[in-house]
PDB file of all heavy atoms in Angstrom:
ATOM      1  N   VAL A   1     -18.992  -1.851 -27.617  1.00  0.00           N
ATOM      2  CA  VAL A   1     -18.992  -0.464 -27.149  1.00  0.00           C
ATOM      3  C   VAL A   1     -20.073  -0.269 -26.096  1.00  0.00           C
ATOM      4  O   VAL A   1     -19.854   0.368 -25.055  1.00  0.00           O
ATOM      5  CB  VAL A   1     -19.201   0.499 -28.333  1.00  0.00           C
ATOM      6  CG1 VAL A   1     -19.549   1.902 -27.845  1.00  0.00           C
ATOM      7  CG2 VAL A   1     -17.937   0.545 -29.188  1.00  0.00           C
ATOM      8  N   ALA A   2     -21.256  -0.841 -26.357  1.00  0.00           N
ATOM      9  CA  ALA A   2     -22.361  -0.693 -25.402  1.00  0.00           C
ATOM     10  C   ALA A   2     -22.007  -1.337 -24.063  1.00  0.00           C
ATOM     11  O   ALA A   2     -22.316  -0.780 -22.993  1.00  0.00           O
ATOM     12  CB  ALA A   2     -23.629  -1.315 -25.982  1.00  0.00           C
ATOM     13  N   GLU A   3     -21.353  -2.509 -24.112  1.00  0.00           N
ATOM     14  CA  GLU A   3     -20.966  -3.185 -22.869  1.00  0.00           C
ATOM     15  C   GLU A   3     -19.945  -2.348 -22.101  1.00  0.00           C
ATOM     16  O   GLU A   3     -20.038  -2.211 -20.870  1.00  0.00           O
ATOM     17  CB  GLU A   3     -20.388  -4.564 -23.185  1.00  0.00           C
ATOM     18  CG  GLU A   3     -21.415  -5.550 -23.715  1.00  0.00           C
ATOM     19  CD  GLU A   3     -20.776  -6.845 -24.190  1.00  0.00           C
ATOM     20  OE1 GLU A   3     -19.542  -6.964 -24.074  1.00  0.00           O
ATOM     21  OE2 GLU A   3     -21.513  -7.727 -24.689  1.00  0.00           O
ATOM     22  N   ARG A   4     -18.989  -1.784 -22.819  1.00  0.00           N
ATOM     23  CA  ARG A   4     -17.964  -0.979 -22.160  1.00  0.00           C
ATOM     24  C   ARG A   4     -18.579   0.297 -21.573  1.00  0.00           C
ATOM     25  O   ARG A   4     -18.208   0.726 -20.467  1.00  0.00           O
ATOM     26  CB  ARG A   4     -16.852  -0.641 -23.161  1.00  0.00           C
ATOM     27  CG  ARG A   4     -15.732   0.207 -22.596  1.00  0.00           C
ATOM     28  CD  ARG A   4     -15.023  -0.488 -21.470  1.00  0.00           C
ATOM     29  NE  ARG A   4     -13.914   0.307 -20.959  1.00  0.00           N
ATOM     30  CZ  ARG A   4     -13.449   0.241 -19.733  1.00  0.00           C
ATOM     31  NH1 ARG A   4     -14.000  -0.590 -18.848  1.00  0.00           N
ATOM     32  NH2 ARG A   4     -12.437   0.987 -19.353  1.00  0.00           N
ATOM     33  N   ILE A   5     -19.510   0.923 -22.301  1.00  0.00           N
ATOM     34  CA  ILE A   5     -20.191   2.118 -21.784  1.00  0.00           C
ATOM     35  C   ILE A   5     -20.926   1.784 -20.502  1.00  0.00           C
ATOM     36  O   ILE A   5     -20.851   2.523 -19.507  1.00  0.00           O
ATOM     37  CB  ILE A   5     -21.165   2.689 -22.844  1.00  0.00           C
ATOM     38  CG1 ILE A   5     -20.368   3.317 -23.998  1.00  0.00           C
ATOM     39  CG2 ILE A   5     -22.097   3.715 -22.227  1.00  0.00           C
ATOM     40  CD1 ILE A   5     -21.230   3.764 -25.167  1.00  0.00           C
ATOM     41  N   ALA A   6     -21.642   0.645 -20.522  1.00  0.00           N
ATOM     42  CA  ALA A   6     -22.382   0.245 -19.322  1.00  0.00           C
ATOM     43  C   ALA A   6     -21.436   0.014 -18.151  1.00  0.00           C
ATOM     44  O   ALA A   6     -21.736   0.385 -17.005  1.00  0.00           O
ATOM     45  CB  ALA A   6     -23.196  -1.019 -19.618  1.00  0.00           C
ATOM     46  N   GLU A   7     -20.274  -0.585 -18.458  1.00  0.00           N
ATOM     47  CA  GLU A   7     -19.303  -0.843 -17.394  1.00  0.00           C
ATOM     48  C   GLU A   7     -18.756   0.449 -16.822  1.00  0.00           C
ATOM     49  O   GLU A   7     -18.641   0.606 -15.600  1.00  0.00           O
ATOM     50  CB  GLU A   7     -18.155  -1.704 -17.944  1.00  0.00           C
ATOM     51  CG  GLU A   7     -17.148  -2.118 -16.884  1.00  0.00           C
ATOM     52  CD  GLU A   7     -16.057  -3.030 -17.432  1.00  0.00           C
ATOM     53  OE1 GLU A   7     -16.171  -3.458 -18.600  1.00  0.00           O
ATOM     54  OE2 GLU A   7     -15.099  -3.302 -16.692  1.00  0.00           O
ATOM     55  N   LEU A   8     -18.428   1.414 -17.705  1.00  0.00           N
ATOM     56  CA  LEU A   8     -17.867   2.680 -17.234  1.00  0.00           C
ATOM     57  C   LEU A   8     -18.915   3.535 -16.534  1.00  0.00           C
ATOM     58  O   LEU A   8     -18.629   4.198 -15.538  1.00  0.00           O
ATOM     59  CB  LEU A   8     -17.256   3.446 -18.407  1.00  0.00           C
ATOM     60  CG  LEU A   8     -15.983   2.842 -19.010  1.00  0.00           C
ATOM     61  CD1 LEU A   8     -15.568   3.607 -20.256  1.00  0.00           C
ATOM     62  CD2 LEU A   8     -14.849   2.852 -17.983  1.00  0.00           C
ATOM     63  N   GLU A   9     -20.134   3.541 -17.072  1.00  0.00           N
ATOM     64  CA  GLU A   9     -21.187   4.334 -16.449  1.00  0.00           C
ATOM     65  C   GLU A   9     -21.562   3.790 -15.077  1.00  0.00           C
ATOM     66  O   GLU A   9     -21.954   4.542 -14.184  1.00  0.00           O
ATOM     67  CB  GLU A   9     -22.416   4.380 -17.354  1.00  0.00           C
ATOM     68  CG  GLU A   9     -22.217   5.235 -18.599  1.00  0.00           C
ATOM     69  CD  GLU A   9     -23.419   5.244 -19.521  1.00  0.00           C
ATOM     70  OE1 GLU A   9     -24.256   4.313 -19.406  1.00  0.00           O
ATOM     71  OE2 GLU A   9     -23.543   6.166 -20.335  1.00  0.00           O
ATOM     72  N   GLY A  10     -21.409   2.460 -14.913  1.00  0.00           N
ATOM     73  CA  GLY A  10     -21.718   1.863 -13.620  1.00  0.00           C
ATOM     74  C   GLY A  10     -20.474   1.544 -12.826  1.00  0.00           C
ATOM     75  O   GLY A  10     -20.460   0.590 -12.044  1.00  0.00           O
ATOM     76  N   ALA A  11     -19.393   2.336 -13.046  1.00  0.00           N
ATOM     77  CA  ALA A  11     -18.110   2.036 -12.421  1.00  0.00           C
ATOM     78  C   ALA A  11     -18.209   2.010 -10.905  1.00  0.00           C
ATOM     79  O   ALA A  11     -17.660   1.124 -10.246  1.00  0.00           O
ATOM     80  CB  ALA A  11     -17.053   3.043 -12.870  1.00  0.00           C
ATOM     81  N   ALA A  12     -18.892   2.985 -10.327  1.00  0.00           N
ATOM     82  CA  ALA A  12     -18.969   3.058  -8.866  1.00  0.00           C
ATOM     83  C   ALA A  12     -19.645   1.816  -8.296  1.00  0.00           C
ATOM     84  O   ALA A  12     -19.162   1.220  -7.328  1.00  0.00           O
ATOM     85  CB  ALA A  12     -19.724   4.317  -8.453  1.00  0.00           C
ATOM     86  N   GLU A  13     -20.767   1.444  -8.925  1.00  0.00           N
ATOM     87  CA  GLU A  13     -21.471   0.250  -8.457  1.00  0.00           C
ATOM     88  C   GLU A  13     -20.621  -0.995  -8.663  1.00  0.00           C
ATOM     89  O   GLU A  13     -20.572  -1.889  -7.812  1.00  0.00           O
ATOM     90  CB  GLU A  13     -22.806   0.096  -9.178  1.00  0.00           C
ATOM     91  CG  GLU A  13     -23.818   1.194  -8.886  1.00  0.00           C
ATOM     92  CD  GLU A  13     -23.564   2.464  -9.697  1.00  0.00           C
ATOM     93  OE1 GLU A  13     -22.607   2.465 -10.507  1.00  0.00           O
ATOM     94  OE2 GLU A  13     -24.295   3.448  -9.490  1.00  0.00           O
ATOM     95  N   ARG A  14     -19.931  -1.010  -9.812  1.00  0.00           N
ATOM     96  CA  ARG A  14     -19.094  -2.172 -10.118  1.00  0.00           C
ATOM     97  C   ARG A  14     -17.922  -2.269  -9.143  1.00  0.00           C
ATOM     98  O   ARG A  14     -17.556  -3.356  -8.695  1.00  0.00           O
ATOM     99  CB  ARG A  14     -18.576  -2.052 -11.561  1.00  0.00           C
ATOM    100  CG  ARG A  14     -17.786  -3.243 -12.046  1.00  0.00           C
ATOM    101  CD  ARG A  14     -18.645  -4.439 -12.205  1.00  0.00           C
ATOM    102  NE  ARG A  14     -17.911  -5.562 -12.749  1.00  0.00           N
ATOM    103  CZ  ARG A  14     -18.263  -6.822 -12.564  1.00  0.00           C
ATOM    104  NH1 ARG A  14     -19.349  -7.106 -11.862  1.00  0.00           N
ATOM    105  NH2 ARG A  14     -17.572  -7.810 -13.090  1.00  0.00           N
ATOM    106  N   VAL A  15     -17.332  -1.125  -8.818  1.00  0.00           N
ATOM    107  CA  VAL A  15     -16.228  -1.113  -7.861  1.00  0.00           C
ATOM    108  C   VAL A  15     -16.683  -1.659  -6.516  1.00  0.00           C
ATOM    109  O   VAL A  15     -15.997  -2.474  -5.881  1.00  0.00           O
ATOM    110  CB  VAL A  15     -15.657   0.306  -7.708  1.00  0.00           C
ATOM    111  CG1 VAL A  15     -14.779   0.410  -6.464  1.00  0.00           C
ATOM    112  CG2 VAL A  15     -14.838   0.691  -8.933  1.00  0.00           C
ATOM    113  N   ALA A  16     -17.863  -1.226  -6.082  1.00  0.00           N
ATOM    114  CA  ALA A  16     -18.382  -1.688  -4.795  1.00  0.00           C
ATOM    115  C   ALA A  16     -18.606  -3.200  -4.816  1.00  0.00           C
ATOM    116  O   ALA A  16     -18.288  -3.909  -3.845  1.00  0.00           O
ATOM    117  CB  ALA A  16     -19.670  -0.960  -4.459  1.00  0.00           C
ATOM    118  N   MET A  17     -19.156  -3.703  -5.913  1.00  0.00           N
ATOM    119  CA  MET A  17     -19.428  -5.137  -6.014  1.00  0.00           C
ATOM    120  C   MET A  17     -18.125  -5.942  -6.040  1.00  0.00           C
ATOM    121  O   MET A  17     -17.982  -6.956  -5.334  1.00  0.00           O
ATOM    122  CB  MET A  17     -20.235  -5.418  -7.279  1.00  0.00           C
ATOM    123  CG  MET A  17     -20.650  -6.871  -7.438  1.00  0.00           C
ATOM    124  SD  MET A  17     -21.609  -7.142  -8.938  1.00  0.00           S
ATOM    125  CE  MET A  17     -20.351  -6.880 -10.181  1.00  0.00           C
ATOM    126  N   LEU A  18     -17.141  -5.462  -6.841  1.00  0.00           N
ATOM    127  CA  LEU A  18     -15.872  -6.178  -6.925  1.00  0.00           C
ATOM    128  C   LEU A  18     -15.109  -6.119  -5.605  1.00  0.00           C
ATOM    129  O   LEU A  18     -14.456  -7.093  -5.216  1.00  0.00           O
ATOM    130  CB  LEU A  18     -15.017  -5.598  -8.054  1.00  0.00           C
ATOM    131  CG  LEU A  18     -15.493  -5.854  -9.481  1.00  0.00           C
ATOM    132  CD1 LEU A  18     -14.600  -5.128 -10.481  1.00  0.00           C
ATOM    133  CD2 LEU A  18     -15.520  -7.346  -9.798  1.00  0.00           C
ATOM    134  N   GLU A  19     -15.185  -4.987  -4.928  1.00  0.00           N
ATOM    135  CA  GLU A  19     -14.492  -4.866  -3.652  1.00  0.00           C
ATOM    136  C   GLU A  19     -15.099  -5.808  -2.617  1.00  0.00           C
ATOM    137  O   GLU A  19     -14.383  -6.415  -1.801  1.00  0.00           O
ATOM    138  CB  GLU A  19     -14.554  -3.419  -3.159  1.00  0.00           C
ATOM    139  CG  GLU A  19     -13.850  -3.180  -1.829  1.00  0.00           C
ATOM    140  CD  GLU A  19     -12.374  -3.550  -1.837  1.00  0.00           C
ATOM    141  OE1 GLU A  19     -11.730  -3.435  -2.906  1.00  0.00           O
ATOM    142  OE2 GLU A  19     -11.864  -3.965  -0.775  1.00  0.00           O
ATOM    143  N   ALA A  20     -16.438  -5.934  -2.642  1.00  0.00           N
ATOM    144  CA  ALA A  20     -17.087  -6.879  -1.722  1.00  0.00           C
ATOM    145  C   ALA A  20     -16.635  -8.309  -2.014  1.00  0.00           C
ATOM    146  O   ALA A  20     -16.368  -9.096  -1.094  1.00  0.00           O
ATOM    147  CB  ALA A  20     -18.608  -6.759  -1.848  1.00  0.00           C
ATOM    148  N   GLU A  21     -16.526  -8.632  -3.306  1.00  0.00           N
ATOM    149  CA  GLU A  21     -16.064  -9.980  -3.664  1.00  0.00           C
ATOM    150  C   GLU A  21     -14.601 -10.170  -3.258  1.00  0.00           C
ATOM    151  O   GLU A  21     -14.208 -11.231  -2.774  1.00  0.00           O
ATOM    152  CB  GLU A  21     -16.221 -10.210  -5.166  1.00  0.00           C
ATOM    153  CG  GLU A  21     -15.860 -11.619  -5.594  1.00  0.00           C
ATOM    154  CD  GLU A  21     -16.067 -11.880  -7.074  1.00  0.00           C
ATOM    155  OE1 GLU A  21     -16.458 -10.931  -7.793  1.00  0.00           O
ATOM    156  OE2 GLU A  21     -15.837 -13.014  -7.507  1.00  0.00           O
ATOM    157  N   ARG A  22     -13.792  -9.117  -3.430  1.00  0.00           N
ATOM    158  CA  ARG A  22     -12.382  -9.215  -3.045  1.00  0.00           C
ATOM    159  C   ARG A  22     -12.246  -9.464  -1.550  1.00  0.00           C
ATOM    160  O   ARG A  22     -11.426 -10.284  -1.116  1.00  0.00           O
ATOM    161  CB  ARG A  22     -11.636  -7.932  -3.431  1.00  0.00           C
ATOM    162  CG  ARG A  22     -10.115  -8.056  -3.330  1.00  0.00           C
ATOM    163  CD  ARG A  22      -9.434  -6.729  -3.608  1.00  0.00           C
ATOM    164  NE  ARG A  22      -9.519  -5.851  -2.460  1.00  0.00           N
ATOM    165  CZ  ARG A  22      -8.675  -5.873  -1.425  1.00  0.00           C
ATOM    166  NH1 ARG A  22      -7.666  -6.727  -1.400  1.00  0.00           N
ATOM    167  NH2 ARG A  22      -8.825  -5.031  -0.424  1.00  0.00           N
ATOM    168  N   GLN A  23     -13.043  -8.782  -0.746  1.00  0.00           N
ATOM    169  CA  GLN A  23     -12.969  -8.979   0.701  1.00  0.00           C
ATOM    170  C   GLN A  23     -13.382 -10.397   1.087  1.00  0.00           C
ATOM    171  O   GLN A  23     -12.799 -11.005   1.988  1.00  0.00           O
ATOM    172  CB  GLN A  23     -13.866  -7.952   1.407  1.00  0.00           C
ATOM    173  CG  GLN A  23     -13.348  -6.519   1.333  1.00  0.00           C
ATOM    174  CD  GLN A  23     -11.999  -6.354   2.018  1.00  0.00           C
ATOM    175  OE1 GLN A  23     -11.682  -7.042   2.993  1.00  0.00           O
ATOM    176  NE2 GLN A  23     -11.185  -5.435   1.496  1.00  0.00           N
ATOM    177  N   ARG A  24     -14.385 -10.917   0.375  1.00  0.00           N
ATOM    178  CA  ARG A  24     -14.819 -12.290   0.661  1.00  0.00           C
ATOM    179  C   ARG A  24     -13.715 -13.290   0.320  1.00  0.00           C
ATOM    180  O   ARG A  24     -13.389 -14.184   1.123  1.00  0.00           O
ATOM    181  CB  ARG A  24     -16.085 -12.614  -0.142  1.00  0.00           C
ATOM    182  CG  ARG A  24     -16.617 -14.024   0.079  1.00  0.00           C
ATOM    183  CD  ARG A  24     -17.847 -14.281  -0.759  1.00  0.00           C
ATOM    184  NE  ARG A  24     -17.587 -14.233  -2.182  1.00  0.00           N
ATOM    185  CZ  ARG A  24     -17.057 -15.225  -2.879  1.00  0.00           C
ATOM    186  NH1 ARG A  24     -16.706 -16.366  -2.269  1.00  0.00           N
ATOM    187  NH2 ARG A  24     -16.864 -15.113  -4.183  1.00  0.00           N
ATOM    188  N   ILE A  25     -13.104 -13.141  -0.863  1.00  0.00           N
ATOM    189  CA  ILE A  25     -12.024 -14.049  -1.269  1.00  0.00           C
ATOM    190  C   ILE A  25     -10.818 -13.876  -0.350  1.00  0.00           C
ATOM    191  O   ILE A  25     -10.140 -14.848   0.011  1.00  0.00           O
ATOM    192  CB  ILE A  25     -11.618 -13.788  -2.734  1.00  0.00           C
ATOM    193  CG1 ILE A  25     -12.798 -14.031  -3.674  1.00  0.00           C
ATOM    194  CG2 ILE A  25     -10.451 -14.682  -3.137  1.00  0.00           C
ATOM    195  CD1 ILE A  25     -13.280 -15.440  -3.748  1.00  0.00           C
ATOM    196  N   LEU A  26     -10.563 -12.630   0.074  1.00  0.00           N
ATOM    197  CA  LEU A  26      -9.435 -12.366   0.964  1.00  0.00           C
ATOM    198  C   LEU A  26      -9.629 -13.081   2.301  1.00  0.00           C
ATOM    199  O   LEU A  26      -8.680 -13.642   2.861  1.00  0.00           O
ATOM    200  CB  LEU A  26      -9.283 -10.865   1.183  1.00  0.00           C
ATOM    201  CG  LEU A  26      -8.014 -10.392   1.902  1.00  0.00           C
ATOM    202  CD1 LEU A  26      -6.777 -10.740   1.079  1.00  0.00           C
ATOM    203  CD2 LEU A  26      -8.077  -8.893   2.160  1.00  0.00           C
ATOM    204  N   ALA A  27     -10.868 -13.068   2.804  1.00  0.00           N
ATOM    205  CA  ALA A  27     -11.151 -13.767   4.063  1.00  0.00           C
ATOM    206  C   ALA A  27     -10.944 -15.273   3.902  1.00  0.00           C
ATOM    207  O   ALA A  27     -10.386 -15.940   4.786  1.00  0.00           O
ATOM    208  CB  ALA A  27     -12.575 -13.473   4.512  1.00  0.00           C
ATOM    209  N   GLU A  28     -11.373 -15.823   2.769  1.00  0.00           N
ATOM    210  CA  GLU A  28     -11.157 -17.251   2.516  1.00  0.00           C
ATOM    211  C   GLU A  28      -9.669 -17.556   2.442  1.00  0.00           C
ATOM    212  O   GLU A  28      -9.192 -18.548   3.006  1.00  0.00           O
ATOM    213  CB  GLU A  28     -11.843 -17.661   1.208  1.00  0.00           C
ATOM    214  CG  GLU A  28     -13.366 -17.643   1.256  1.00  0.00           C
ATOM    215  CD  GLU A  28     -13.966 -18.080  -0.068  1.00  0.00           C
ATOM    216  OE1 GLU A  28     -13.184 -18.466  -0.976  1.00  0.00           O
ATOM    217  OE2 GLU A  28     -15.196 -18.031  -0.196  1.00  0.00           O
ATOM    218  N   ALA A  29      -8.917 -16.692   1.736  1.00  0.00           N
ATOM    219  CA  ALA A  29      -7.472 -16.909   1.594  1.00  0.00           C
ATOM    220  C   ALA A  29      -6.781 -16.832   2.953  1.00  0.00           C
ATOM    221  O   ALA A  29      -5.876 -17.621   3.254  1.00  0.00           O
ATOM    222  CB  ALA A  29      -6.885 -15.882   0.629  1.00  0.00           C
ATOM    223  N   ALA A  30      -7.207 -15.867   3.785  1.00  0.00           N
ATOM    224  CA  ALA A  30      -6.605 -15.741   5.106  1.00  0.00           C
ATOM    225  C   ALA A  30      -6.857 -16.990   5.939  1.00  0.00           C
ATOM    226  O   ALA A  30      -5.963 -17.472   6.655  1.00  0.00           O
ATOM    227  CB  ALA A  30      -7.154 -14.503   5.818  1.00  0.00           C
ATOM    228  N   GLY A  31      -8.073 -17.536   5.839  1.00  0.00           N
ATOM    229  CA  GLY A  31      -8.391 -18.770   6.565  1.00  0.00           C
ATOM    230  C   GLY A  31      -7.530 -19.931   6.107  1.00  0.00           C
ATOM    231  O   GLY A  31      -7.015 -20.705   6.929  1.00  0.00           O
ATOM    232  N   LEU A  32      -7.351 -20.059   4.791  1.00  0.00           N
ATOM    233  CA  LEU A  32      -6.517 -21.130   4.266  1.00  0.00           C
ATOM    234  C   LEU A  32      -5.057 -20.926   4.680  1.00  0.00           C
ATOM    235  O   LEU A  32      -4.347 -21.893   4.999  1.00  0.00           O
ATOM    236  CB  LEU A  32      -6.629 -21.181   2.741  1.00  0.00           C
ATOM    237  CG  LEU A  32      -7.970 -21.667   2.181  1.00  0.00           C
ATOM    238  CD1 LEU A  32      -8.065 -21.382   0.683  1.00  0.00           C
ATOM    239  CD2 LEU A  32      -8.153 -23.160   2.449  1.00  0.00           C
ATOM    240  N   ALA A  33      -4.601 -19.655   4.672  1.00  0.00           N
ATOM    241  CA  ALA A  33      -3.213 -19.374   5.074  1.00  0.00           C
ATOM    242  C   ALA A  33      -2.987 -19.752   6.537  1.00  0.00           C
ATOM    243  O   ALA A  33      -1.914 -20.250   6.904  1.00  0.00           O
ATOM    244  CB  ALA A  33      -2.898 -17.894   4.845  1.00  0.00           C
ATOM    245  N   ARG A  34      -3.995 -19.532   7.380  1.00  0.00           N
ATOM    246  CA  ARG A  34      -3.856 -19.910   8.792  1.00  0.00           C
ATOM    247  C   ARG A  34      -3.801 -21.431   8.951  1.00  0.00           C
ATOM    248  O   ARG A  34      -3.018 -21.958   9.749  1.00  0.00           O
ATOM    249  CB  ARG A  34      -5.013 -19.326   9.606  1.00  0.00           C
ATOM    250  CG  ARG A  34      -4.933 -17.823   9.744  1.00  0.00           C
ATOM    251  CD  ARG A  34      -5.948 -17.273  10.732  1.00  0.00           C
ATOM    252  NE  ARG A  34      -5.825 -15.822  10.811  1.00  0.00           N
ATOM    253  CZ  ARG A  34      -4.892 -15.186  11.506  1.00  0.00           C
ATOM    254  NH1 ARG A  34      -3.998 -15.882  12.199  1.00  0.00           N
ATOM    255  NH2 ARG A  34      -4.844 -13.867  11.522  1.00  0.00           N
ATOM    256  N   GLN A  35      -4.650 -22.137   8.199  1.00  0.00           N
ATOM    257  CA  GLN A  35      -4.599 -23.600   8.248  1.00  0.00           C
ATOM    258  C   GLN A  35      -3.240 -24.101   7.773  1.00  0.00           C
ATOM    259  O   GLN A  35      -2.662 -25.027   8.356  1.00  0.00           O
ATOM    260  CB  GLN A  35      -5.709 -24.190   7.371  1.00  0.00           C
ATOM    261  CG  GLN A  35      -7.121 -23.913   7.853  1.00  0.00           C
ATOM    262  CD  GLN A  35      -8.146 -24.539   6.915  1.00  0.00           C
ATOM    263  OE1 GLN A  35      -8.097 -25.744   6.633  1.00  0.00           O
ATOM    264  NE2 GLN A  35      -9.065 -23.732   6.418  1.00  0.00           N
ATOM    265  N   LEU A  36      -2.740 -23.489   6.710  1.00  0.00           N
ATOM    266  CA  LEU A  36      -1.444 -23.887   6.164  1.00  0.00           C
ATOM    267  C   LEU A  36      -0.329 -23.598   7.170  1.00  0.00           C
ATOM    268  O   LEU A  36       0.574 -24.424   7.382  1.00  0.00           O
ATOM    269  CB  LEU A  36      -1.206 -23.131   4.856  1.00  0.00           C
ATOM    270  CG  LEU A  36      -0.029 -23.544   3.980  1.00  0.00           C
ATOM    271  CD1 LEU A  36      -0.100 -25.010   3.619  1.00  0.00           C
ATOM    272  CD2 LEU A  36       0.002 -22.693   2.711  1.00  0.00           C
ATOM    273  N   HIS A  37      -0.401 -22.443   7.804  1.00  0.00           N
ATOM    274  CA  HIS A  37       0.604 -22.075   8.816  1.00  0.00           C
ATOM    275  C   HIS A  37       0.588 -23.070   9.973  1.00  0.00           C
ATOM    276  O   HIS A  37       1.654 -23.517  10.425  1.00  0.00           O
ATOM    277  CB  HIS A  37       0.312 -20.660   9.323  1.00  0.00           C
ATOM    278  CG  HIS A  37       1.181 -20.223  10.449  1.00  0.00           C
ATOM    279  ND1 HIS A  37       2.509 -19.882  10.291  1.00  0.00           N
ATOM    280  CD2 HIS A  37       0.928 -20.098  11.789  1.00  0.00           C
ATOM    281  CE1 HIS A  37       3.027 -19.556  11.452  1.00  0.00           C
ATOM    282  NE2 HIS A  37       2.096 -19.677  12.382  1.00  0.00           N
ATOM    283  N   GLN A  38      -0.608 -23.438  10.430  1.00  0.00           N
ATOM    284  CA  GLN A  38      -0.698 -24.377  11.542  1.00  0.00           C
ATOM    285  C   GLN A  38      -0.151 -25.740  11.148  1.00  0.00           C
ATOM    286  O   GLN A  38       0.577 -26.391  11.919  1.00  0.00           O
ATOM    287  CB  GLN A  38      -2.156 -24.505  11.994  1.00  0.00           C
ATOM    288  CG  GLN A  38      -2.359 -25.373  13.218  1.00  0.00           C
ATOM    289  CD  GLN A  38      -1.588 -24.873  14.435  1.00  0.00           C
ATOM    290  OE1 GLN A  38      -1.462 -23.670  14.638  1.00  0.00           O
ATOM    291  NE2 GLN A  38      -1.055 -25.794  15.231  1.00  0.00           N
ATOM    292  N   ALA A  39      -0.489 -26.203   9.928  1.00  0.00           N
ATOM    293  CA  ALA A  39       0.014 -27.502   9.463  1.00  0.00           C
ATOM    294  C   ALA A  39       1.536 -27.479   9.365  1.00  0.00           C
ATOM    295  O   ALA A  39       2.209 -28.470   9.679  1.00  0.00           O
ATOM    296  CB  ALA A  39      -0.612 -27.851   8.110  1.00  0.00           C
ATOM    297  N   ARG A  40       2.082 -26.349   8.945  1.00  0.00           N
ATOM    298  CA  ARG A  40       3.538 -26.251   8.843  1.00  0.00           C
ATOM    299  C   ARG A  40       4.184 -26.229  10.226  1.00  0.00           C
ATOM    300  O   ARG A  40       5.269 -26.790  10.418  1.00  0.00           O
ATOM    301  CB  ARG A  40       3.912 -24.991   8.062  1.00  0.00           C
ATOM    302  CG  ARG A  40       3.682 -25.124   6.563  1.00  0.00           C
ATOM    303  CD  ARG A  40       3.815 -23.792   5.868  1.00  0.00           C
ATOM    304  NE  ARG A  40       3.748 -23.944   4.406  1.00  0.00           N
ATOM    305  CZ  ARG A  40       3.488 -22.949   3.565  1.00  0.00           C
ATOM    306  NH1 ARG A  40       3.266 -21.722   4.027  1.00  0.00           N
ATOM    307  NH2 ARG A  40       3.441 -23.163   2.265  1.00  0.00           N
ATOM    308  N   ARG A  41       3.562 -25.554  11.157  1.00  0.00           N
ATOM    309  CA  ARG A  41       4.083 -25.556  12.526  1.00  0.00           C
ATOM    310  C   ARG A  41       4.153 -26.983  13.066  1.00  0.00           C
ATOM    311  O   ARG A  41       5.146 -27.377  13.687  1.00  0.00           O
ATOM    312  CB  ARG A  41       3.174 -24.705  13.417  1.00  0.00           C
ATOM    313  CG  ARG A  41       3.316 -23.209  13.228  1.00  0.00           C
ATOM    314  CD  ARG A  41       4.508 -22.700  14.000  1.00  0.00           C
ATOM    315  NE  ARG A  41       4.544 -21.231  14.024  1.00  0.00           N
ATOM    316  CZ  ARG A  41       5.544 -20.548  14.527  1.00  0.00           C
ATOM    317  NH1 ARG A  41       6.583 -21.177  15.042  1.00  0.00           N
ATOM    318  NH2 ARG A  41       5.530 -19.224  14.521  1.00  0.00           N
ATOM    319  N   GLU A  42       3.088 -27.739  12.839  1.00  0.00           N
ATOM    320  CA  GLU A  42       3.072 -29.126  13.315  1.00  0.00           C
ATOM    321  C   GLU A  42       4.132 -29.948  12.598  1.00  0.00           C
ATOM    322  O   GLU A  42       4.827 -30.767  13.221  1.00  0.00           O
ATOM    323  CB  GLU A  42       1.681 -29.728  13.094  1.00  0.00           C
ATOM    324  CG  GLU A  42       0.593 -29.063  13.935  1.00  0.00           C
ATOM    325  CD  GLU A  42      -0.793 -29.546  13.559  1.00  0.00           C
ATOM    326  OE1 GLU A  42      -0.901 -30.415  12.655  1.00  0.00           O
ATOM    327  OE2 GLU A  42      -1.770 -29.063  14.156  1.00  0.00           O
ATOM    328  N   ALA A  43       4.274 -29.732  11.267  1.00  0.00           N
ATOM    329  CA  ALA A  43       5.295 -30.464  10.510  1.00  0.00           C
ATOM    330  C   ALA A  43       6.690 -30.091  10.982  1.00  0.00           C
ATOM    331  O   ALA A  43       7.587 -30.941  11.057  1.00  0.00           O
ATOM    332  CB  ALA A  43       5.141 -30.186   9.013  1.00  0.00           C
TER     333      ALA A  43
END
């Protein structure tokens, strides 16, 4: 219960942190997708 309260009370901060991580992973995924697209074009 205490962990869940802390998570809900810090929702805004948590959202900001998770969104920053999502953008970082999204950028990595986009880079990999471009490499994959280029490799497929060559194939």
